[in-house]
Amino acid sequence: MHIIAVDDERLALEVLQDAIEKAVPEARVRGFRDPAEAEAYVRSNGCDVAFLDIKMRGVTGLELAKRFKDIRGEMNIVFVTGYSEYLLDAFRLYASDYILKPATPEAVARAMEHLRCPIRPKQEKHIRFQCFGNFEVFADGHPLVFRRIKTKELLAYLVDRMGAGVTMGELASVLWEDGPDTLSRQSNLRNLISDLKKTLSEADAEHVILKSRNTIAIDRDAVDCDYYDFLRHIPYAVNCYQGEYMVQYSWAELTIATLSETI
């Protein structure tokens, strides 16, 4: 389990880290006094639970929590502060809990018992898709970088189709919103598919794409995905869904109705 603590006051951070380490001795705990350093660390390494002070210089804990949720939708947020008037704002951000300073091992332990998104065991799958919130792709826990925005959207649509074969015409219609089917657009689509295969190949993950002469699809059995786990009623995924699904893409709104019916 991976936990971070963020507080710009040195003594308060030491007290918080000590409380976490005593309450969750098996966890890997990292402390930060600079919110920007904490954000950069989470982008590179991920995190299961973040304990955040609310009143910090520069960036508040509430603002930092929003950024963390954009990075990893299923991250648990626990606010630690001396100001109880922030309680309502904290829970509007889907915080798991809220504890008052000074943090104690007992308070941390109670918060860990009520996490909004239960901690999943380490996945054996090499590739993980995050669909709730922003669509993101992780290879061995690290964000996969795409050279083209449309390449990432192409992959997102294949994930949304849940392994069903998608024709080139359908892909072009989605990616360019029913624009004219020109030779230039067909060439662009071929380049995107080539770029996707290259990106996955560089991550040793080209096996997740199934390509035939006329269609392309995702191999559902080769990946880990919160959306697929939600449809299988796996608790962590059900708890993590907060009404947001692939929010970057307008076409993804059609899937939200299906998700709402499943709850």
C-alpha atoms as a PDB file:
ATOM      1  CA  MET A   1       0.000   0.000   0.000  1.00  0.00           C
ATOM      2  CA  HIS A   2       1.286   3.446  -0.975  1.00  0.00           C
ATOM      3  CA  ILE A   3       0.427   6.487   1.196  1.00  0.00           C
ATOM      4  CA  ILE A   4       1.560  10.106   1.022  1.00  0.00           C
ATOM      5  CA  ALA A   5       1.191  12.915   3.569  1.00  0.00           C
ATOM      6  CA  VAL A   6       1.261  16.610   2.640  1.00  0.00           C
ATOM      7  CA  ASP A   7       1.583  19.478   5.132  1.00  0.00           C
ATOM      8  CA  ASP A   8       3.702  22.609   4.691  1.00  0.00           C
ATOM      9  CA  GLU A   9       4.452  22.791   8.435  1.00  0.00           C
ATOM     10  CA  ARG A  10       7.451  20.609   9.338  1.00  0.00           C
ATOM     11  CA  LEU A  11       6.322  19.583  12.821  1.00  0.00           C
ATOM     12  CA  ALA A  12       2.740  18.858  11.734  1.00  0.00           C
ATOM     13  CA  LEU A  13       4.047  16.709   8.873  1.00  0.00           C
ATOM     14  CA  GLU A  14       6.302  14.732  11.225  1.00  0.00           C
ATOM     15  CA  VAL A  15       3.367  14.092  13.591  1.00  0.00           C
ATOM     16  CA  LEU A  16       1.150  13.017  10.676  1.00  0.00           C
ATOM     17  CA  GLN A  17       3.750  10.679   9.168  1.00  0.00           C
ATOM     18  CA  ASP A  18       4.425   9.106  12.541  1.00  0.00           C
ATOM     19  CA  ALA A  19       0.694   8.514  13.095  1.00  0.00           C
ATOM     20  CA  ILE A  20       0.315   6.909   9.647  1.00  0.00           C
ATOM     21  CA  GLU A  21       3.361   4.661  10.093  1.00  0.00           C
ATOM     22  CA  LYS A  22       2.073   3.449  13.460  1.00  0.00           C
ATOM     23  CA  ALA A  23      -1.481   2.888  12.189  1.00  0.00           C
ATOM     24  CA  VAL A  24      -0.465   1.240   8.895  1.00  0.00           C
ATOM     25  CA  PRO A  25       2.991  -0.290   9.494  1.00  0.00           C
ATOM     26  CA  GLU A  26       2.878  -2.318   6.268  1.00  0.00           C
ATOM     27  CA  ALA A  27       2.423   0.791   4.089  1.00  0.00           C
ATOM     28  CA  ARG A  28       5.054   2.730   2.177  1.00  0.00           C
ATOM     29  CA  VAL A  29       4.711   6.328   3.454  1.00  0.00           C
ATOM     30  CA  ARG A  30       6.184   9.447   1.843  1.00  0.00           C
ATOM     31  CA  GLY A  31       5.853  12.957   3.266  1.00  0.00           C
ATOM     32  CA  PHE A  32       5.914  16.305   1.444  1.00  0.00           C
ATOM     33  CA  ARG A  33       5.981  19.925   2.605  1.00  0.00           C
ATOM     34  CA  ASP A  34       5.708  21.261  -0.960  1.00  0.00           C
ATOM     35  CA  PRO A  35       2.346  20.496  -2.672  1.00  0.00           C
ATOM     36  CA  ALA A  36       3.965  20.825  -6.128  1.00  0.00           C
ATOM     37  CA  GLU A  37       6.507  18.132  -5.260  1.00  0.00           C
ATOM     38  CA  ALA A  38       3.692  15.904  -3.996  1.00  0.00           C
ATOM     39  CA  GLU A  39       1.759  16.367  -7.250  1.00  0.00           C
ATOM     40  CA  ALA A  40       4.814  15.545  -9.365  1.00  0.00           C
ATOM     41  CA  TYR A  41       5.474  12.463  -7.251  1.00  0.00           C
ATOM     42  CA  VAL A  42       1.902  11.194  -7.632  1.00  0.00           C
ATOM     43  CA  ARG A  43       2.011  11.682 -11.405  1.00  0.00           C
ATOM     44  CA  SER A  44       5.135   9.538 -11.606  1.00  0.00           C
ATOM     45  CA  ASN A  45       4.490   6.953  -8.900  1.00  0.00           C
ATOM     46  CA  GLY A  46       0.767   6.839  -8.166  1.00  0.00           C
ATOM     47  CA  CYS A  47      -0.725   6.658  -4.700  1.00  0.00           C
ATOM     48  CA  ASP A  48      -3.447   4.727  -2.861  1.00  0.00           C
ATOM     49  CA  VAL A  49      -4.196   7.192  -0.037  1.00  0.00           C
ATOM     50  CA  ALA A  50      -3.278  10.879   0.362  1.00  0.00           C
ATOM     51  CA  PHE A  51      -3.485  12.612   3.765  1.00  0.00           C
ATOM     52  CA  LEU A  52      -3.686  16.351   3.028  1.00  0.00           C
ATOM     53  CA  ASP A  53      -3.563  19.444   5.195  1.00  0.00           C
ATOM     54  CA  ILE A  54      -6.207  21.889   3.979  1.00  0.00           C
ATOM     55  CA  LYS A  55      -4.623  25.285   4.752  1.00  0.00           C
ATOM     56  CA  MET A  56      -1.265  25.436   2.987  1.00  0.00           C
ATOM     57  CA  ARG A  57       0.613  28.284   1.366  1.00  0.00           C
ATOM     58  CA  GLY A  58       0.153  28.572  -2.386  1.00  0.00           C
ATOM     59  CA  VAL A  59      -2.081  25.560  -3.045  1.00  0.00           C
ATOM     60  CA  THR A  60      -4.764  24.497  -0.591  1.00  0.00           C
ATOM     61  CA  GLY A  61      -5.414  20.859   0.239  1.00  0.00           C
ATOM     62  CA  LEU A  62      -8.791  21.140  -1.482  1.00  0.00           C
ATOM     63  CA  GLU A  63      -7.157  22.297  -4.716  1.00  0.00           C
ATOM     64  CA  LEU A  64      -4.491  19.601  -4.459  1.00  0.00           C
ATOM     65  CA  ALA A  65      -7.160  16.947  -3.923  1.00  0.00           C
ATOM     66  CA  LYS A  66      -8.882  17.987  -7.179  1.00  0.00           C
ATOM     67  CA  ARG A  67      -5.590  17.600  -9.041  1.00  0.00           C
ATOM     68  CA  PHE A  68      -4.946  14.196  -7.482  1.00  0.00           C
ATOM     69  CA  LYS A  69      -8.405  13.002  -8.502  1.00  0.00           C
ATOM     70  CA  ASP A  70      -7.692  14.079 -12.086  1.00  0.00           C
ATOM     71  CA  ILE A  71      -4.490  12.055 -12.035  1.00  0.00           C
ATOM     72  CA  ARG A  72      -5.978   8.940 -10.459  1.00  0.00           C
ATOM     73  CA  GLY A  73      -9.716   8.870  -9.919  1.00  0.00           C
ATOM     74  CA  GLU A  74      -9.676   6.033  -7.404  1.00  0.00           C
ATOM     75  CA  MET A  75      -7.166   7.698  -5.062  1.00  0.00           C
ATOM     76  CA  ASN A  76      -8.459   8.027  -1.497  1.00  0.00           C
ATOM     77  CA  ILE A  77      -8.270  11.503   0.049  1.00  0.00           C
ATOM     78  CA  VAL A  78      -8.200  12.094   3.806  1.00  0.00           C
ATOM     79  CA  PHE A  79      -8.054  15.708   4.997  1.00  0.00           C
ATOM     80  CA  VAL A  80      -6.103  16.531   8.147  1.00  0.00           C
ATOM     81  CA  THR A  81      -6.615  20.028   9.550  1.00  0.00           C
ATOM     82  CA  GLY A  82      -7.420  22.144  12.569  1.00  0.00           C
ATOM     83  CA  TYR A  83     -10.345  23.859  10.830  1.00  0.00           C
ATOM     84  CA  SER A  84     -13.612  21.929  11.027  1.00  0.00           C
ATOM     85  CA  GLU A  85     -15.477  24.509   8.915  1.00  0.00           C
ATOM     86  CA  TYR A  86     -14.022  22.875   5.800  1.00  0.00           C
ATOM     87  CA  LEU A  87     -15.911  19.643   6.425  1.00  0.00           C
ATOM     88  CA  LEU A  88     -18.596  20.192   3.753  1.00  0.00           C
ATOM     89  CA  ASP A  89     -16.087  21.242   1.070  1.00  0.00           C
ATOM     90  CA  ALA A  90     -13.979  18.201   1.878  1.00  0.00           C
ATOM     91  CA  PHE A  91     -16.772  15.719   1.312  1.00  0.00           C
ATOM     92  CA  ARG A  92     -17.909  17.461  -1.854  1.00  0.00           C
ATOM     93  CA  LEU A  93     -14.567  16.285  -3.236  1.00  0.00           C
ATOM     94  CA  TYR A  94     -15.495  12.677  -2.376  1.00  0.00           C
ATOM     95  CA  ALA A  95     -13.041  12.596   0.502  1.00  0.00           C
ATOM     96  CA  SER A  96     -12.848   9.292   2.343  1.00  0.00           C
ATOM     97  CA  ASP A  97     -12.554  10.946   5.748  1.00  0.00           C
ATOM     98  CA  TYR A  98     -11.630  14.067   7.692  1.00  0.00           C
ATOM     99  CA  ILE A  99      -9.542  14.095  10.880  1.00  0.00           C
ATOM    100  CA  LEU A 100      -8.546  16.985  13.127  1.00  0.00           C
ATOM    101  CA  LYS A 101      -5.021  17.896  14.159  1.00  0.00           C
ATOM    102  CA  PRO A 102      -2.986  16.684  15.846  1.00  0.00           C
ATOM    103  CA  ALA A 103      -3.263  13.431  13.907  1.00  0.00           C
ATOM    104  CA  THR A 104      -3.193  10.291  16.030  1.00  0.00           C
ATOM    105  CA  PRO A 105      -2.655   6.657  15.046  1.00  0.00           C
ATOM    106  CA  GLU A 106      -6.189   5.901  16.236  1.00  0.00           C
ATOM    107  CA  ALA A 107      -7.718   8.575  13.990  1.00  0.00           C
ATOM    108  CA  VAL A 108      -5.658   7.403  11.022  1.00  0.00           C
ATOM    109  CA  ALA A 109      -6.699   3.792  11.638  1.00  0.00           C
ATOM    110  CA  ARG A 110     -10.386   4.792  11.673  1.00  0.00           C
ATOM    111  CA  ALA A 111      -9.954   6.699   8.413  1.00  0.00           C
ATOM    112  CA  MET A 112      -8.289   3.684   6.816  1.00  0.00           C
ATOM    113  CA  GLU A 113     -11.289   1.551   7.750  1.00  0.00           C
ATOM    114  CA  HIS A 114     -13.638   3.827   5.787  1.00  0.00           C
ATOM    115  CA  LEU A 115     -11.791   4.372   2.522  1.00  0.00           C
ATOM    116  CA  ARG A 116     -14.098   5.302  -0.337  1.00  0.00           C
ATOM    117  CA  CYS A 117     -12.073   3.208  -2.799  1.00  0.00           C
ATOM    118  CA  PRO A 118     -10.803   0.019  -1.140  1.00  0.00           C
ATOM    119  CA  ILE A 119      -7.172  -0.746  -1.858  1.00  0.00           C
ATOM    120  CA  ARG A 120      -6.845  -3.390  -4.532  1.00  0.00           C
ATOM    121  CA  PRO A 121      -4.202  -6.075  -4.418  1.00  0.00           C
ATOM    122  CA  LYS A 122      -1.363  -5.640  -6.878  1.00  0.00           C
ATOM    123  CA  GLN A 123      -2.561  -6.496 -10.352  1.00  0.00           C
ATOM    124  CA  GLU A 124      -0.791  -9.046 -12.489  1.00  0.00           C
ATOM    125  CA  LYS A 125      -1.951  -7.371 -15.696  1.00  0.00           C
ATOM    126  CA  HIS A 126       0.711  -5.241 -17.389  1.00  0.00           C
ATOM    127  CA  ILE A 127      -1.659  -2.588 -18.773  1.00  0.00           C
ATOM    128  CA  ARG A 128      -4.307  -0.758 -16.730  1.00  0.00           C
ATOM    129  CA  PHE A 129      -7.004   1.515 -18.148  1.00  0.00           C
ATOM    130  CA  GLN A 130      -8.580   4.178 -15.928  1.00  0.00           C
ATOM    131  CA  CYS A 131     -11.955   5.191 -17.356  1.00  0.00           C
ATOM    132  CA  PHE A 132     -13.590   6.872 -14.358  1.00  0.00           C
ATOM    133  CA  GLY A 133     -12.773  10.563 -14.417  1.00  0.00           C
ATOM    134  CA  ASN A 134     -10.259  11.220 -17.184  1.00  0.00           C
ATOM    135  CA  PHE A 135      -9.218   8.353 -19.421  1.00  0.00           C
ATOM    136  CA  GLU A 136      -5.649   7.327 -18.605  1.00  0.00           C
ATOM    137  CA  VAL A 137      -3.428   4.372 -19.482  1.00  0.00           C
ATOM    138  CA  PHE A 138      -0.782   2.881 -17.206  1.00  0.00           C
ATOM    139  CA  ALA A 139       1.970   0.387 -18.014  1.00  0.00           C
ATOM    140  CA  ASP A 140       3.425  -1.251 -14.908  1.00  0.00           C
ATOM    141  CA  GLY A 141       1.904   1.569 -12.863  1.00  0.00           C
ATOM    142  CA  HIS A 142       3.448   4.380 -14.939  1.00  0.00           C
ATOM    143  CA  PRO A 143       1.371   6.702 -17.171  1.00  0.00           C
ATOM    144  CA  LEU A 144       1.680   5.854 -20.853  1.00  0.00           C
ATOM    145  CA  VAL A 145       2.671   8.898 -22.930  1.00  0.00           C
ATOM    146  CA  PHE A 146       0.993   9.345 -26.312  1.00  0.00           C
ATOM    147  CA  ARG A 147       2.604  11.348 -29.091  1.00  0.00           C
ATOM    148  CA  ARG A 148      -0.794  12.322 -30.521  1.00  0.00           C
ATOM    149  CA  ILE A 149      -3.990  13.268 -28.705  1.00  0.00           C
ATOM    150  CA  LYS A 150      -6.101  11.430 -31.294  1.00  0.00           C
ATOM    151  CA  THR A 151      -4.107   8.230 -30.745  1.00  0.00           C
ATOM    152  CA  LYS A 152      -5.150   8.226 -27.107  1.00  0.00           C
ATOM    153  CA  GLU A 153      -8.770   8.918 -28.070  1.00  0.00           C
ATOM    154  CA  LEU A 154      -8.682   6.042 -30.552  1.00  0.00           C
ATOM    155  CA  LEU A 155      -7.558   3.697 -27.776  1.00  0.00           C
ATOM    156  CA  ALA A 156     -10.212   5.093 -25.425  1.00  0.00           C
ATOM    157  CA  TYR A 157     -12.943   4.301 -27.941  1.00  0.00           C
ATOM    158  CA  LEU A 158     -11.671   0.737 -28.346  1.00  0.00           C
ATOM    159  CA  VAL A 159     -11.762   0.339 -24.557  1.00  0.00           C
ATOM    160  CA  ASP A 160     -15.301   1.747 -24.488  1.00  0.00           C
ATOM    161  CA  ARG A 161     -16.342  -0.867 -27.068  1.00  0.00           C
ATOM    162  CA  MET A 162     -15.260  -3.589 -24.614  1.00  0.00           C
ATOM    163  CA  GLY A 163     -13.550  -5.895 -27.071  1.00  0.00           C
ATOM    164  CA  ALA A 164     -16.074  -5.578 -29.896  1.00  0.00           C
ATOM    165  CA  GLY A 165     -14.513  -5.179 -33.320  1.00  0.00           C
ATOM    166  CA  VAL A 166     -14.593  -1.601 -34.622  1.00  0.00           C
ATOM    167  CA  THR A 167     -14.502  -0.837 -38.345  1.00  0.00           C
ATOM    168  CA  MET A 168     -12.307   1.842 -39.855  1.00  0.00           C
ATOM    169  CA  GLY A 169     -15.412   3.756 -40.894  1.00  0.00           C
ATOM    170  CA  GLU A 170     -16.788   3.779 -37.350  1.00  0.00           C
ATOM    171  CA  LEU A 171     -13.483   4.940 -35.927  1.00  0.00           C
ATOM    172  CA  ALA A 172     -13.201   7.750 -38.440  1.00  0.00           C
ATOM    173  CA  SER A 173     -16.775   8.845 -37.751  1.00  0.00           C
ATOM    174  CA  VAL A 174     -16.117   9.023 -33.989  1.00  0.00           C
ATOM    175  CA  LEU A 175     -12.706  10.679 -34.141  1.00  0.00           C
ATOM    176  CA  TRP A 176     -13.707  13.317 -36.687  1.00  0.00           C
ATOM    177  CA  GLU A 177     -17.398  13.642 -35.746  1.00  0.00           C
ATOM    178  CA  ASP A 178     -18.982  12.497 -38.995  1.00  0.00           C
ATOM    179  CA  GLY A 179     -16.883  14.698 -41.249  1.00  0.00           C
ATOM    180  CA  PRO A 180     -16.510  13.817 -44.937  1.00  0.00           C
ATOM    181  CA  ASP A 181     -14.773  10.492 -45.650  1.00  0.00           C
ATOM    182  CA  THR A 182     -11.778  11.820 -47.583  1.00  0.00           C
ATOM    183  CA  LEU A 183      -8.539  10.133 -48.610  1.00  0.00           C
ATOM    184  CA  SER A 184      -6.754  12.463 -46.224  1.00  0.00           C
ATOM    185  CA  ARG A 185      -8.894  11.280 -43.295  1.00  0.00           C
ATOM    186  CA  GLN A 186      -8.324   7.632 -44.196  1.00  0.00           C
ATOM    187  CA  SER A 187      -4.579   8.293 -44.280  1.00  0.00           C
ATOM    188  CA  ASN A 188      -4.733  10.056 -40.898  1.00  0.00           C
ATOM    189  CA  LEU A 189      -6.567   7.078 -39.390  1.00  0.00           C
ATOM    190  CA  ARG A 190      -3.976   4.625 -40.693  1.00  0.00           C
ATOM    191  CA  ASN A 191      -1.260   6.814 -39.182  1.00  0.00           C
ATOM    192  CA  LEU A 192      -3.071   6.882 -35.832  1.00  0.00           C
ATOM    193  CA  ILE A 193      -3.391   3.092 -35.758  1.00  0.00           C
ATOM    194  CA  SER A 194       0.288   2.772 -36.641  1.00  0.00           C
ATOM    195  CA  ASP A 195       1.159   5.256 -33.884  1.00  0.00           C
ATOM    196  CA  LEU A 196      -0.976   3.344 -31.381  1.00  0.00           C
ATOM    197  CA  LYS A 197       0.722   0.060 -32.220  1.00  0.00           C
ATOM    198  CA  LYS A 198       4.131   1.704 -31.908  1.00  0.00           C
ATOM    199  CA  THR A 199       3.259   3.291 -28.547  1.00  0.00           C
ATOM    200  CA  LEU A 200       2.023  -0.023 -27.152  1.00  0.00           C
ATOM    201  CA  SER A 201       5.002  -1.870 -28.612  1.00  0.00           C
ATOM    202  CA  GLU A 202       7.386   0.488 -26.809  1.00  0.00           C
ATOM    203  CA  ALA A 203       5.600  -0.478 -23.568  1.00  0.00           C
ATOM    204  CA  ASP A 204       5.813  -4.172 -24.484  1.00  0.00           C
ATOM    205  CA  ALA A 205       2.012  -4.200 -24.715  1.00  0.00           C
ATOM    206  CA  GLU A 206       1.193  -4.596 -28.402  1.00  0.00           C
ATOM    207  CA  HIS A 207      -0.703  -7.783 -27.507  1.00  0.00           C
ATOM    208  CA  VAL A 208      -3.654  -5.795 -26.101  1.00  0.00           C
ATOM    209  CA  ILE A 209      -4.749  -4.820 -29.641  1.00  0.00           C
ATOM    210  CA  LEU A 210      -6.454  -7.359 -31.907  1.00  0.00           C
ATOM    211  CA  LYS A 211      -6.267  -6.294 -35.553  1.00  0.00           C
ATOM    212  CA  SER A 212      -7.941  -8.002 -38.494  1.00  0.00           C
ATOM    213  CA  ARG A 213      -8.214  -6.839 -42.061  1.00  0.00           C
ATOM    214  CA  ASN A 214     -11.297  -4.677 -41.522  1.00  0.00           C
ATOM    215  CA  THR A 215     -11.624  -4.246 -37.758  1.00  0.00           C
ATOM    216  CA  ILE A 216      -9.616  -3.466 -34.629  1.00  0.00           C
ATOM    217  CA  ALA A 217     -10.426  -4.294 -31.000  1.00  0.00           C
ATOM    218  CA  ILE A 218      -9.103  -4.471 -27.440  1.00  0.00           C
ATOM    219  CA  ASP A 219      -8.275  -7.839 -25.895  1.00  0.00           C
ATOM    220  CA  ARG A 220     -10.284  -7.476 -22.679  1.00  0.00           C
ATOM    221  CA  ASP A 221      -8.582 -10.441 -21.064  1.00  0.00           C
ATOM    222  CA  ALA A 222      -5.139  -8.865 -21.477  1.00  0.00           C
ATOM    223  CA  VAL A 223      -5.816  -5.680 -19.488  1.00  0.00           C
ATOM    224  CA  ASP A 224      -6.997  -4.358 -16.144  1.00  0.00           C
ATOM    225  CA  CYS A 225      -9.796  -1.769 -16.347  1.00  0.00           C
ATOM    226  CA  ASP A 226     -12.004  -0.073 -13.743  1.00  0.00           C
ATOM    227  CA  TYR A 227     -14.914   0.099 -16.244  1.00  0.00           C
ATOM    228  CA  TYR A 228     -14.790  -3.618 -16.951  1.00  0.00           C
ATOM    229  CA  ASP A 229     -14.489  -4.387 -13.232  1.00  0.00           C
ATOM    230  CA  PHE A 230     -17.514  -2.149 -12.550  1.00  0.00           C
ATOM    231  CA  LEU A 231     -19.587  -4.170 -14.983  1.00  0.00           C
ATOM    232  CA  ARG A 232     -18.491  -7.316 -13.141  1.00  0.00           C
ATOM    233  CA  HIS A 233     -19.684  -5.682  -9.866  1.00  0.00           C
ATOM    234  CA  ILE A 234     -16.235  -5.780  -8.285  1.00  0.00           C
ATOM    235  CA  PRO A 235     -16.540  -3.620  -5.105  1.00  0.00           C
ATOM    236  CA  TYR A 236     -13.562  -1.293  -5.565  1.00  0.00           C
ATOM    237  CA  ALA A 237     -14.785  -0.263  -9.046  1.00  0.00           C
ATOM    238  CA  VAL A 238     -18.402   0.208  -7.949  1.00  0.00           C
ATOM    239  CA  ASN A 239     -17.224   2.414  -5.068  1.00  0.00           C
ATOM    240  CA  CYS A 240     -14.931   4.454  -7.313  1.00  0.00           C
ATOM    241  CA  TYR A 241     -17.550   5.416  -9.900  1.00  0.00           C
ATOM    242  CA  GLN A 242     -18.763   8.946  -9.118  1.00  0.00           C
ATOM    243  CA  GLY A 243     -20.712   9.689 -12.285  1.00  0.00           C
ATOM    244  CA  GLU A 244     -17.698  10.648 -14.407  1.00  0.00           C
ATOM    245  CA  TYR A 245     -16.495   8.501 -17.302  1.00  0.00           C
ATOM    246  CA  MET A 246     -13.845   9.428 -19.862  1.00  0.00           C
ATOM    247  CA  VAL A 247     -14.716  13.074 -19.361  1.00  0.00           C
ATOM    248  CA  GLN A 248     -12.400  14.277 -22.172  1.00  0.00           C
ATOM    249  CA  TYR A 249     -14.613  12.737 -24.853  1.00  0.00           C
ATOM    250  CA  SER A 250     -18.160  13.827 -25.728  1.00  0.00           C
ATOM    251  CA  TRP A 251     -19.017  10.438 -27.274  1.00  0.00           C
ATOM    252  CA  ALA A 252     -18.391   8.782 -23.889  1.00  0.00           C
ATOM    253  CA  GLU A 253     -21.553  10.379 -22.480  1.00  0.00           C
ATOM    254  CA  LEU A 254     -23.591   7.608 -24.107  1.00  0.00           C
ATOM    255  CA  THR A 255     -21.933   5.029 -21.828  1.00  0.00           C
ATOM    256  CA  ILE A 256     -22.813   6.925 -18.645  1.00  0.00           C
ATOM    257  CA  ALA A 257     -26.478   5.954 -19.063  1.00  0.00           C
ATOM    258  CA  THR A 258     -25.474   2.293 -19.096  1.00  0.00           C
ATOM    259  CA  LEU A 259     -23.347   2.756 -15.995  1.00  0.00           C
ATOM    260  CA  SER A 260     -26.188   4.497 -14.169  1.00  0.00           C
ATOM    261  CA  GLU A 261     -28.562   1.628 -14.967  1.00  0.00           C
ATOM    262  CA  THR A 262     -26.031  -0.879 -13.638  1.00  0.00           C
ATOM    263  CA  ILE A 263     -25.730   0.699 -10.185  1.00  0.00           C
END
